[in-house]
Amino acid sequence: MRSPTRLIGGLSALILVALILPLPASAARIAVIGTGNVGAALGPEFAEQGHTIVYGSREPNREDVQALVSRTAGDASATQPQQAVTGADMVVLAVPGTSAVGIAAGLGDLSGKILIDPTNVISREGGRMSHGIPGKGSNAALIQQEQPGAFVVKAFNTLNWVQMVDPETAGGPITIMLAGDDADAKAAVAELVRGMDLDAVDVGGLEYAHLLEEMLVMWAGSMGSQPFNYYLRPMPGN
């Protein structure tokens, strides 16, 4: 029979380990609107971090959508976009850039939710690409106008979906730059980024989102000559 002293000592050790080990972050319910390449990359990645994923699709019973649900860990599901955002803590607009503003407007009131915008609008004229939003505007800012109570964070818009799933294919670290007006929202998104083995850098408020969208134009333009990914090296001491 195990002695009381040894039993108490063992329990004390377990309690000490529990106090020392960091507690996991709270699991969130994340609505991923769109089931194309970006949605199909981010949804499973977030699920692997312990979050519950609900895909928003106009055809939730379609075979490829159900296949995506099946390969997403946890209690994943798919439903109509407006239903997907109900009860969600975060919403990911994994939709075409030209449709993102209208889709955001049609999701109902997203007040209090973190709204992740990985979209871009690119114009093509005379064989050249350019940012498709006039002046210093951005898709993220237009989405914020449609959802003034949401916490919009520009993120995941300057890399290929392949590197979202497998960062090692880039041959080195990749930085995901975050722009948004709410520090807590950006911190929550940064945690998702780091959970994907990517680096996260807060570049400031949503007024900088247009720069991130323009950086995508440069990134896309490099594909035919010298392809690259973005990595921001921290300053010494940071």
Protein backbone atom coordinates (compact mmCIF):
# COMPACT_ATOMS: atom_id res chain seq x y z
CA MET A 1 0.00 0.00 0.00
CA ARG A 2 1.32 3.43 -0.95
CA SER A 3 2.22 5.46 2.11
CA PRO A 4 0.24 8.69 2.84
CA THR A 5 3.47 10.67 2.79
CA ARG A 6 4.37 9.49 -0.74
CA LEU A 7 0.80 10.07 -1.94
CA ILE A 8 0.75 13.62 -0.59
CA GLY A 9 4.16 14.28 -2.08
CA GLY A 10 2.98 13.07 -5.49
CA LEU A 11 -0.11 15.26 -5.38
CA SER A 12 2.00 18.25 -4.38
CA ALA A 13 4.25 17.68 -7.37
CA LEU A 14 1.27 17.51 -9.72
CA ILE A 15 -0.15 20.72 -8.29
CA LEU A 16 3.23 22.44 -8.67
CA VAL A 17 3.47 21.35 -12.31
CA ALA A 18 -0.03 22.64 -12.96
CA LEU A 19 0.88 26.01 -11.48
CA ILE A 20 4.09 26.28 -13.49
CA LEU A 21 2.76 25.24 -16.89
CA PRO A 22 1.02 28.04 -18.85
CA LEU A 23 -2.72 27.69 -19.19
CA PRO A 24 -4.05 27.36 -22.76
CA ALA A 25 -5.70 30.43 -24.25
CA SER A 26 -9.48 30.48 -24.19
CA ALA A 27 -10.99 28.72 -27.15
CA ALA A 28 -12.96 30.96 -29.49
CA ARG A 29 -15.79 30.33 -31.90
CA ILE A 30 -14.54 31.50 -35.29
CA ALA A 31 -16.80 32.00 -38.30
CA VAL A 32 -14.87 31.58 -41.55
CA ILE A 33 -16.90 33.16 -44.31
CA GLY A 34 -15.84 31.53 -47.56
CA THR A 35 -14.50 28.05 -48.30
CA GLY A 36 -12.02 28.78 -51.09
CA ASN A 37 -8.24 28.51 -50.77
CA VAL A 38 -7.87 31.05 -47.93
CA GLY A 39 -10.83 29.82 -45.89
CA ALA A 40 -9.77 26.21 -46.41
CA ALA A 41 -6.27 27.12 -45.19
CA LEU A 42 -7.13 29.26 -42.15
CA GLY A 43 -10.07 27.25 -40.82
CA PRO A 44 -8.18 24.00 -40.18
CA GLU A 45 -5.15 25.92 -38.87
CA PHE A 46 -7.27 27.75 -36.29
CA ALA A 47 -9.05 24.52 -35.35
CA GLU A 48 -5.70 22.87 -34.60
CA GLN A 49 -5.21 25.60 -31.98
CA GLY A 50 -8.36 24.46 -30.18
CA HIS A 51 -10.89 26.89 -31.66
CA THR A 52 -14.32 25.90 -32.95
CA ILE A 53 -14.78 26.67 -36.63
CA VAL A 54 -18.08 27.40 -38.37
CA TYR A 55 -17.82 27.85 -42.13
CA GLY A 56 -20.19 30.26 -43.81
CA SER A 57 -21.17 29.16 -47.30
CA ARG A 58 -24.11 29.79 -49.60
CA GLU A 59 -24.03 26.04 -50.27
CA PRO A 60 -23.06 24.47 -46.93
CA ASN A 61 -24.10 20.97 -48.00
CA ARG A 62 -21.94 21.00 -51.12
CA GLU A 63 -19.53 18.06 -51.28
CA ASP A 64 -16.31 20.08 -51.13
CA VAL A 65 -17.63 22.16 -48.21
CA GLN A 66 -18.52 19.06 -46.24
CA ALA A 67 -15.11 17.60 -47.07
CA LEU A 68 -13.53 20.74 -45.59
CA VAL A 69 -15.64 20.36 -42.45
CA SER A 70 -14.51 16.73 -42.16
CA ARG A 71 -10.83 17.62 -42.27
CA THR A 72 -11.22 20.47 -39.77
CA ALA A 73 -10.50 19.38 -36.20
CA GLY A 74 -12.98 19.69 -33.37
CA ASP A 75 -16.68 20.37 -33.63
CA ALA A 76 -16.54 22.07 -37.04
CA SER A 77 -19.67 22.76 -39.08
CA ALA A 78 -20.96 24.69 -42.07
CA THR A 79 -24.05 26.80 -42.50
CA GLN A 80 -25.29 29.94 -44.24
CA PRO A 81 -23.03 33.02 -43.68
CA GLN A 82 -25.51 34.97 -41.54
CA GLN A 83 -26.05 31.94 -39.33
CA ALA A 84 -22.33 31.23 -39.09
CA VAL A 85 -21.56 34.57 -37.44
CA THR A 86 -24.23 34.11 -34.77
CA GLY A 87 -22.42 33.54 -31.49
CA ALA A 88 -18.98 33.86 -33.09
CA ASP A 89 -16.17 35.69 -31.31
CA MET A 90 -14.23 36.23 -34.52
CA VAL A 91 -15.21 36.42 -38.18
CA VAL A 92 -12.82 35.82 -41.07
CA LEU A 93 -13.77 37.32 -44.43
CA ALA A 94 -12.13 34.70 -46.66
CA VAL A 95 -13.92 35.94 -49.77
CA PRO A 96 -12.91 37.68 -53.01
CA GLY A 97 -11.72 41.23 -52.37
CA THR A 98 -14.19 42.75 -54.79
CA SER A 99 -17.08 41.13 -52.90
CA ALA A 100 -15.83 41.57 -49.34
CA VAL A 101 -17.47 44.91 -48.51
CA GLY A 102 -20.89 43.81 -49.70
CA ILE A 103 -20.62 40.45 -47.96
CA ALA A 104 -19.57 42.14 -44.71
CA ALA A 105 -22.56 44.44 -44.92
CA GLY A 106 -24.89 41.47 -45.40
CA LEU A 107 -23.78 39.56 -42.31
CA GLY A 108 -25.86 41.60 -39.89
CA ASP A 109 -24.54 43.54 -36.92
CA LEU A 110 -21.07 42.28 -35.96
CA SER A 111 -20.60 44.69 -33.06
CA GLY A 112 -18.11 43.43 -30.49
CA LYS A 113 -16.66 40.78 -32.79
CA ILE A 114 -13.12 40.68 -34.18
CA LEU A 115 -13.37 40.88 -37.98
CA ILE A 116 -10.26 39.60 -39.77
CA ASP A 117 -9.80 40.96 -43.28
CA PRO A 118 -7.33 39.05 -45.50
CA THR A 119 -8.72 40.50 -48.74
CA ASN A 120 -7.18 42.55 -51.52
CA VAL A 121 -8.54 44.44 -54.52
CA ILE A 122 -6.20 44.53 -57.51
CA SER A 123 -6.72 46.50 -60.69
CA ARG A 124 -5.15 45.34 -63.95
CA GLU A 125 -4.60 47.74 -66.80
CA GLY A 126 -2.17 47.53 -69.68
CA GLY A 127 -0.57 44.44 -68.22
CA ARG A 128 0.21 46.18 -64.93
CA MET A 129 -1.26 45.60 -61.49
CA SER A 130 -2.18 48.32 -59.00
CA HIS A 131 -4.09 48.75 -55.78
CA GLY A 132 -7.77 48.80 -56.66
CA ILE A 133 -8.94 51.26 -53.99
CA PRO A 134 -8.51 54.97 -54.86
CA GLY A 135 -6.17 57.22 -52.92
CA LYS A 136 -5.22 55.98 -49.47
CA GLY A 137 -8.39 53.96 -49.08
CA SER A 138 -8.43 50.24 -48.27
CA ASN A 139 -10.82 47.35 -48.32
CA ALA A 140 -10.35 47.09 -44.56
CA ALA A 141 -11.48 50.69 -44.02
CA LEU A 142 -14.52 50.18 -46.24
CA ILE A 143 -15.42 47.04 -44.29
CA GLN A 144 -15.05 49.00 -41.04
CA GLN A 145 -17.49 51.59 -42.38
CA GLU A 146 -20.05 48.85 -43.01
CA GLN A 147 -19.45 47.31 -39.58
CA PRO A 148 -18.63 50.24 -37.28
CA GLY A 149 -19.08 48.20 -34.09
CA ALA A 150 -16.70 45.41 -35.14
CA PHE A 151 -12.96 45.35 -34.47
CA VAL A 152 -11.49 45.08 -37.97
CA VAL A 153 -7.95 43.72 -38.23
CA LYS A 154 -6.13 43.59 -41.56
CA ALA A 155 -4.10 40.38 -41.64
CA PHE A 156 -3.04 37.42 -43.82
CA ASN A 157 -3.24 39.46 -47.03
CA THR A 158 0.42 39.47 -48.07
CA LEU A 159 1.17 35.77 -48.55
CA ASN A 160 0.01 32.75 -50.49
CA TRP A 161 -2.43 30.31 -48.89
CA VAL A 162 0.17 27.56 -49.35
CA GLN A 163 2.46 29.25 -46.81
CA MET A 164 -0.47 29.61 -44.41
CA VAL A 165 -0.71 25.83 -44.33
CA ASP A 166 3.01 25.04 -44.56
CA PRO A 167 5.26 28.00 -43.67
CA GLU A 168 8.39 25.89 -44.17
CA THR A 169 7.82 25.97 -47.95
CA ALA A 170 8.90 29.62 -47.83
CA GLY A 171 12.45 28.67 -46.89
CA GLY A 172 12.49 31.08 -43.94
CA PRO A 173 10.30 33.06 -41.54
CA ILE A 174 7.27 35.00 -42.77
CA THR A 175 5.77 38.07 -41.11
CA ILE A 176 2.03 38.64 -40.92
CA MET A 177 1.50 42.37 -40.51
CA LEU A 178 -1.53 43.49 -38.52
CA ALA A 179 -3.32 46.83 -38.89
CA GLY A 180 -6.29 47.80 -36.76
CA ASP A 181 -7.55 50.31 -34.23
CA ASP A 182 -8.10 47.96 -31.28
CA ALA A 183 -5.01 46.67 -29.47
CA ASP A 184 -6.78 43.71 -27.84
CA ALA A 185 -8.21 42.56 -31.18
CA LYS A 186 -4.76 42.69 -32.78
CA ALA A 187 -3.29 40.77 -29.86
CA ALA A 188 -5.90 38.02 -30.32
CA VAL A 189 -5.14 37.78 -34.04
CA ALA A 190 -1.39 37.79 -33.33
CA GLU A 191 -1.91 34.74 -31.12
CA LEU A 192 -3.57 32.94 -34.03
CA VAL A 193 -0.67 33.92 -36.29
CA ARG A 194 1.98 32.62 -33.90
CA GLY A 195 0.01 29.41 -33.51
CA MET A 196 0.58 28.85 -37.24
CA ASP A 197 4.38 29.19 -36.83
CA LEU A 198 4.31 32.61 -38.49
CA ASP A 199 5.58 35.91 -37.07
CA ALA A 200 3.15 38.68 -36.16
CA VAL A 201 3.95 42.41 -36.21
CA ASP A 202 1.52 45.17 -35.22
CA VAL A 203 2.11 47.97 -37.73
CA GLY A 204 -0.43 50.39 -36.30
CA GLY A 205 -3.97 51.59 -36.90
CA LEU A 206 -6.35 50.79 -39.71
CA GLU A 207 -5.11 53.84 -41.61
CA TYR A 208 -2.10 51.70 -42.57
CA ALA A 209 -4.21 48.94 -44.10
CA HIS A 210 -3.88 50.51 -47.55
CA LEU A 211 -0.12 50.05 -47.34
CA LEU A 212 -0.52 46.35 -46.58
CA GLU A 213 -2.87 46.01 -49.54
CA GLU A 214 -0.35 47.77 -51.76
CA MET A 215 2.37 45.44 -50.45
CA LEU A 216 0.33 42.56 -51.86
CA VAL A 217 0.57 44.20 -55.30
CA MET A 218 4.37 44.24 -55.03
CA TRP A 219 4.39 40.65 -53.77
CA ALA A 220 2.18 39.47 -56.65
CA GLY A 221 4.30 41.39 -59.17
CA SER A 222 7.41 39.56 -58.02
CA MET A 223 6.06 36.15 -58.96
CA GLY A 224 7.24 36.41 -62.55
CA SER A 225 10.79 37.50 -61.71
CA GLN A 226 12.19 37.20 -58.18
CA PRO A 227 9.50 35.81 -55.84
CA PHE A 228 9.76 36.77 -52.18
CA ASN A 229 7.87 36.73 -48.89
CA TYR A 230 7.76 39.46 -46.29
CA TYR A 231 9.82 39.14 -43.11
CA LEU A 232 10.33 42.05 -40.72
CA ARG A 233 13.42 41.51 -38.57
CA PRO A 234 12.91 42.78 -35.00
CA MET A 235 15.24 45.49 -33.78
CA PRO A 236 17.87 44.34 -31.23
CA GLY A 237 16.44 44.27 -27.74
CA ASN A 238 12.85 43.72 -28.93
